[in-house]
N, C-alpha and C. Protein backbone atom coordinates (compact mmCIF):
# COMPACT_ATOMS: atom_id res chain seq x y z
N MET A 1 4.60 28.93 -68.22
CA MET A 1 6.10 28.87 -67.58
C MET A 1 6.34 27.80 -67.68
N THR A 2 7.33 27.41 -68.30
CA THR A 2 8.52 26.06 -69.10
C THR A 2 9.61 26.16 -67.37
N LYS A 3 9.39 24.67 -67.57
CA LYS A 3 10.01 24.26 -66.41
C LYS A 3 11.30 24.21 -66.63
N ARG A 4 12.63 24.46 -65.99
CA ARG A 4 13.78 24.44 -65.91
C ARG A 4 14.25 22.99 -65.53
N LEU A 5 14.55 22.16 -66.50
CA LEU A 5 15.20 20.33 -66.33
C LEU A 5 16.33 20.12 -66.67
N PRO A 6 16.87 19.22 -65.74
CA PRO A 6 18.42 18.92 -66.19
C PRO A 6 19.04 18.69 -67.68
N LYS A 7 20.00 19.17 -67.64
CA LYS A 7 20.64 19.07 -68.81
C LYS A 7 21.59 18.45 -68.74
N GLY A 8 22.27 17.50 -69.10
CA GLY A 8 23.99 17.09 -68.63
C GLY A 8 25.03 17.17 -69.92
N LYS A 9 25.50 16.57 -70.10
CA LYS A 9 27.09 16.16 -70.95
C LYS A 9 26.58 16.39 -72.32
N LYS A 10 25.86 14.99 -71.72
CA LYS A 10 25.15 13.93 -73.29
C LYS A 10 23.89 13.64 -73.63
N VAL A 11 23.59 13.98 -72.09
CA VAL A 11 21.27 14.17 -72.64
C VAL A 11 20.74 15.43 -71.91
N TYR A 12 19.67 15.77 -72.08
CA TYR A 12 18.86 16.64 -71.40
C TYR A 12 17.30 15.84 -71.35
N LEU A 13 16.54 16.55 -70.67
CA LEU A 13 15.47 15.98 -70.12
C LEU A 13 14.01 17.23 -70.32
N ARG A 14 13.38 16.91 -71.42
CA ARG A 14 12.45 17.61 -71.58
C ARG A 14 10.80 17.08 -71.82
N GLU A 15 9.69 17.76 -71.40
CA GLU A 15 8.87 17.65 -71.47
C GLU A 15 8.10 16.83 -72.68
N PRO A 16 7.39 16.27 -72.56
CA PRO A 16 6.79 15.52 -74.22
C PRO A 16 5.58 16.50 -74.76
N THR A 17 5.91 16.12 -76.29
CA THR A 17 4.77 17.08 -77.09
C THR A 17 4.17 16.12 -77.66
N ALA A 18 2.95 16.76 -78.33
CA ALA A 18 1.78 15.86 -78.87
C ALA A 18 2.95 15.21 -80.39
N GLU A 19 3.81 16.14 -80.72
CA GLU A 19 4.44 16.07 -82.10
C GLU A 19 5.70 14.65 -81.94
N ASP A 20 6.07 14.19 -80.66
CA ASP A 20 7.07 13.21 -80.38
C ASP A 20 6.53 11.84 -80.49
N PHE A 21 4.82 11.75 -80.89
CA PHE A 21 4.29 10.07 -80.99
C PHE A 21 4.97 9.34 -81.51
N ASP A 22 5.14 10.26 -82.70
CA ASP A 22 5.83 8.75 -83.97
C ASP A 22 7.43 8.56 -83.13
N GLU A 23 8.12 9.28 -82.91
CA GLU A 23 9.63 9.14 -82.37
C GLU A 23 9.52 8.30 -81.43
N LEU A 24 8.65 8.70 -80.68
CA LEU A 24 8.60 7.25 -79.14
C LEU A 24 7.85 5.78 -79.73
N ASP A 25 6.48 6.11 -80.87
CA ASP A 25 6.08 5.03 -80.95
C ASP A 25 7.42 4.09 -81.30
N ALA A 26 8.42 4.27 -82.34
CA ALA A 26 9.36 3.69 -82.87
C ALA A 26 10.56 3.32 -81.95
N LEU A 27 10.72 4.44 -80.89
CA LEU A 27 11.43 3.63 -80.15
C LEU A 27 10.83 2.38 -79.43
N TYR A 28 10.07 2.44 -78.52
CA TYR A 28 9.26 1.48 -78.41
C TYR A 28 9.31 0.30 -78.50
N LYS A 29 8.77 0.40 -80.38
CA LYS A 29 8.83 -0.95 -80.63
C LYS A 29 10.26 -1.36 -81.02
N SER A 30 11.23 -0.35 -81.14
CA SER A 30 12.61 -1.25 -81.21
C SER A 30 13.20 -1.65 -80.21
N SER A 31 12.49 -1.52 -79.03
CA SER A 31 13.11 -1.62 -77.99
C SER A 31 12.11 -2.97 -76.73
N ARG A 32 11.26 -3.31 -77.72
CA ARG A 32 10.14 -4.81 -77.06
C ARG A 32 11.59 -5.71 -76.79
N ARG A 33 12.33 -6.01 -77.00
CA ARG A 33 13.07 -7.43 -76.54
C ARG A 33 13.66 -7.12 -75.27
N LEU A 34 14.25 -5.76 -75.60
CA LEU A 34 15.29 -4.97 -73.96
C LEU A 34 13.96 -5.66 -73.15
N HIS A 35 13.21 -4.67 -73.09
CA HIS A 35 11.89 -4.66 -72.29
C HIS A 35 10.78 -6.07 -72.00
N ARG A 36 11.18 -6.65 -72.97
CA ARG A 36 10.32 -7.69 -72.41
C ARG A 36 10.41 -8.14 -70.96
N GLY A 37 8.46 -8.34 -70.64
CA GLY A 37 8.71 -8.59 -69.03
C GLY A 37 8.38 -7.98 -68.17
N LEU A 38 8.63 -6.21 -68.98
CA LEU A 38 9.21 -5.55 -67.99
C LEU A 38 7.94 -4.31 -67.74
N VAL A 39 7.46 -3.83 -69.32
CA VAL A 39 6.92 -3.06 -69.20
C VAL A 39 6.00 -3.49 -70.45
N SER A 40 4.75 -2.93 -70.56
CA SER A 40 3.72 -3.02 -71.85
C SER A 40 4.50 -2.39 -72.96
N PRO A 41 4.33 -3.67 -74.02
CA PRO A 41 5.11 -3.17 -75.13
C PRO A 41 3.86 -2.17 -75.83
N ASN A 42 2.90 -2.14 -75.75
CA ASN A 42 1.37 -1.67 -76.67
C ASN A 42 2.07 -0.50 -76.51
N PHE A 43 2.00 0.42 -77.16
CA PHE A 43 1.93 2.25 -77.51
C PHE A 43 1.11 2.37 -78.47
N SER A 44 -0.10 3.28 -78.45
CA SER A 44 -1.25 3.69 -79.10
C SER A 44 -1.50 5.52 -79.03
N PRO A 45 -1.42 6.10 -80.20
CA PRO A 45 -1.98 7.54 -80.07
C PRO A 45 -2.41 7.91 -79.05
N GLU A 46 -3.96 6.71 -78.34
CA GLU A 46 -4.37 6.83 -77.27
C GLU A 46 -3.92 7.07 -76.24
N ASP A 47 -3.15 6.21 -76.13
CA ASP A 47 -1.79 5.93 -74.52
C ASP A 47 -1.03 7.34 -74.49
N PHE A 48 -0.80 7.86 -75.98
CA PHE A 48 0.19 8.65 -75.25
C PHE A 48 -0.73 10.07 -74.79
N GLY A 49 -1.57 10.55 -75.83
CA GLY A 49 -2.61 11.37 -75.22
C GLY A 49 -2.84 11.66 -74.18
N ASN A 50 -2.86 10.28 -73.42
CA ASN A 50 -3.34 10.10 -71.43
C ASN A 50 -1.92 10.37 -70.92
N LEU A 51 -1.02 10.18 -71.89
CA LEU A 51 0.26 10.37 -70.94
C LEU A 51 0.35 12.01 -70.77
N LEU A 52 -0.19 12.61 -72.01
CA LEU A 52 -0.19 14.42 -72.12
C LEU A 52 -0.85 14.46 -71.14
N ILE A 53 -2.19 14.02 -70.97
CA ILE A 53 -3.16 14.40 -69.79
C ILE A 53 -2.29 14.50 -68.37
N ARG A 54 -2.12 13.31 -68.04
CA ARG A 54 -1.49 13.16 -66.72
C ARG A 54 -0.36 13.93 -66.52
N ASN A 55 0.57 14.27 -67.09
CA ASN A 55 1.87 14.83 -67.07
C ASN A 55 0.82 16.17 -66.67
N LYS A 56 -0.38 17.12 -66.67
CA LYS A 56 -1.15 18.35 -66.90
C LYS A 56 -1.56 18.19 -65.05
N GLY A 57 -1.52 16.75 -64.17
CA GLY A 57 -1.98 17.01 -63.58
C GLY A 57 -0.36 16.85 -62.50
N GLY A 58 -0.93 16.61 -60.67
CA GLY A 58 0.15 17.21 -60.16
C GLY A 58 0.62 15.85 -59.21
N ASP A 59 0.45 14.50 -59.90
CA ASP A 59 0.81 13.64 -58.79
C ASP A 59 1.40 12.46 -60.15
N HIS A 60 1.75 12.54 -61.23
CA HIS A 60 2.46 12.50 -62.50
C HIS A 60 3.10 13.06 -63.71
N GLU A 61 4.05 12.57 -63.95
CA GLU A 61 5.46 13.30 -64.49
C GLU A 61 5.89 12.61 -65.50
N SER A 62 6.12 12.49 -66.52
CA SER A 62 6.62 11.85 -67.87
C SER A 62 7.73 12.55 -68.91
N LEU A 63 8.90 12.70 -68.52
CA LEU A 63 9.82 13.05 -69.08
C LEU A 63 10.67 12.58 -70.38
N LEU A 64 11.51 12.98 -71.48
CA LEU A 64 12.02 12.21 -72.31
C LEU A 64 13.41 12.82 -72.37
N ILE A 65 13.73 11.61 -72.54
CA ILE A 65 15.04 11.54 -72.58
C ILE A 65 15.90 11.91 -73.83
N CYS A 66 16.98 13.18 -73.94
CA CYS A 66 17.13 13.30 -75.45
C CYS A 66 18.14 13.14 -75.59
N VAL A 67 19.35 13.35 -76.35
CA VAL A 67 20.20 13.12 -76.50
C VAL A 67 20.94 14.69 -77.18
N ARG A 68 21.73 15.66 -76.91
CA ARG A 68 22.34 16.37 -77.08
C ARG A 68 22.73 16.71 -78.01
N GLU A 69 23.31 16.17 -79.18
CA GLU A 69 24.03 16.15 -80.20
C GLU A 69 23.12 16.35 -80.92
N THR A 70 22.01 14.84 -80.97
CA THR A 70 21.10 15.07 -82.26
C THR A 70 19.58 15.31 -82.11
N ASP A 71 19.53 15.36 -80.43
CA ASP A 71 18.18 15.74 -79.99
C ASP A 71 17.26 14.66 -80.37
N ALA A 72 17.65 13.71 -80.80
CA ALA A 72 16.50 12.14 -80.60
C ALA A 72 16.72 11.75 -79.47
N ILE A 73 15.53 11.04 -79.33
CA ILE A 73 14.71 10.42 -77.84
C ILE A 73 15.31 9.42 -78.01
N ALA A 74 16.19 9.19 -76.54
CA ALA A 74 16.55 8.03 -75.99
C ALA A 74 16.03 7.44 -75.15
N GLY A 75 15.55 7.88 -74.47
CA GLY A 75 14.46 7.45 -73.19
C GLY A 75 13.11 8.07 -72.46
N THR A 76 12.65 7.60 -72.09
CA THR A 76 11.68 8.21 -71.02
C THR A 76 12.39 7.73 -69.57
N ILE A 77 11.02 8.56 -68.91
CA ILE A 77 11.58 8.85 -67.59
C ILE A 77 10.00 9.06 -66.71
N THR A 78 9.86 8.09 -66.00
CA THR A 78 8.19 8.74 -65.05
C THR A 78 8.24 8.96 -63.90
N LEU A 79 7.75 9.95 -63.21
CA LEU A 79 7.57 9.59 -61.81
C LEU A 79 6.50 9.68 -61.53
N SER A 80 5.64 8.59 -60.89
CA SER A 80 4.40 8.62 -60.71
C SER A 80 3.72 8.40 -59.39
N GLN A 81 2.55 8.70 -58.85
CA GLN A 81 2.11 8.84 -57.75
C GLN A 81 2.91 9.71 -56.79
N ILE A 82 3.16 10.94 -57.17
CA ILE A 82 3.73 11.99 -56.60
C ILE A 82 3.46 12.57 -55.00
N PHE A 83 3.75 11.94 -54.19
CA PHE A 83 3.27 12.79 -52.92
C PHE A 83 4.19 13.96 -52.50
N ARG A 84 3.74 15.15 -52.48
CA ARG A 84 4.45 16.44 -52.32
C ARG A 84 4.49 17.28 -50.97
N LYS A 85 3.26 16.24 -50.03
CA LYS A 85 3.90 16.73 -49.07
C LYS A 85 4.86 16.49 -47.58
N ALA A 86 4.93 16.98 -46.56
CA ALA A 86 5.72 16.29 -45.44
C ALA A 86 6.61 15.24 -45.96
N PHE A 87 6.08 14.02 -46.63
CA PHE A 87 6.33 12.59 -46.87
C PHE A 87 6.72 12.79 -48.57
N GLN A 88 7.68 12.98 -48.88
CA GLN A 88 7.99 13.43 -50.51
C GLN A 88 8.30 12.02 -51.11
N ASN A 89 7.59 11.48 -52.02
CA ASN A 89 7.89 10.54 -52.73
C ASN A 89 7.73 9.92 -53.85
N SER A 90 7.82 9.18 -54.68
CA SER A 90 7.19 9.03 -55.78
C SER A 90 7.90 7.38 -56.73
N TYR A 91 7.38 7.20 -57.61
CA TYR A 91 7.83 5.63 -58.29
C TYR A 91 8.33 6.06 -59.53
N LEU A 92 9.15 5.49 -59.68
CA LEU A 92 10.36 5.63 -60.53
C LEU A 92 10.03 4.72 -61.85
N GLY A 93 9.89 4.99 -63.06
CA GLY A 93 10.00 4.05 -64.24
C GLY A 93 10.58 4.94 -65.47
N SER A 94 11.37 3.74 -66.13
CA SER A 94 11.91 4.28 -67.15
C SER A 94 12.02 3.46 -68.82
N LYS A 95 12.16 3.81 -69.71
CA LYS A 95 12.25 3.28 -70.84
C LYS A 95 13.67 3.58 -71.75
N TYR A 96 14.15 2.65 -72.03
CA TYR A 96 15.47 2.90 -73.02
C TYR A 96 15.98 2.33 -74.46
N ARG A 97 16.09 3.31 -75.39
CA ARG A 97 16.32 2.27 -76.82
C ARG A 97 16.95 0.84 -76.61
N THR A 98 18.37 1.15 -75.70
CA THR A 98 19.21 -0.07 -76.25
C THR A 98 19.79 0.46 -74.36
N LYS A 99 20.61 -1.00 -74.44
CA LYS A 99 21.20 -1.41 -73.23
C LYS A 99 22.41 -0.29 -73.29
N ARG A 100 22.93 -0.09 -74.67
CA ARG A 100 23.91 0.68 -74.02
C ARG A 100 23.52 2.54 -73.24
N ASP A 101 22.42 3.02 -74.16
CA ASP A 101 21.62 4.16 -73.08
C ASP A 101 21.04 4.19 -72.25
N LEU A 102 21.53 2.91 -71.13
CA LEU A 102 21.32 2.94 -69.84
C LEU A 102 22.26 4.15 -68.84
N ILE A 103 23.53 3.86 -69.26
CA ILE A 103 24.30 5.18 -68.67
C ILE A 103 24.56 6.19 -69.84
N PHE A 104 24.34 6.86 -69.02
CA PHE A 104 24.60 8.16 -70.14
C PHE A 104 25.41 9.02 -69.52
N GLU A 105 25.65 9.09 -68.53
CA GLU A 105 27.17 10.41 -68.19
C GLU A 105 27.48 9.65 -67.02
N LYS A 106 28.79 10.09 -67.10
CA LYS A 106 29.93 9.74 -66.19
C LYS A 106 30.13 10.73 -65.12
């Protein structure tokens, strides 16, 4: 069963698939300067495979932020260390293509 994910006027979220590696790799390489000192610039097929595996567990979820107009990947959002009991909590991480992409919806 596919999850219903939020869709905005300009962007939507979707789960990554194996076919997304090349586009994500290019996105991460193009945004290294923006993310310098904040996140690891390295991204390999093995890293991506591990991400897809972690997404199947209950305590990690990575989603792609896609532009509605073009379906291009504009960034990623990751919820990690998800706690789903009485104390619901997680850590949020994100990566974007450019500073302009930091604000999607008004």
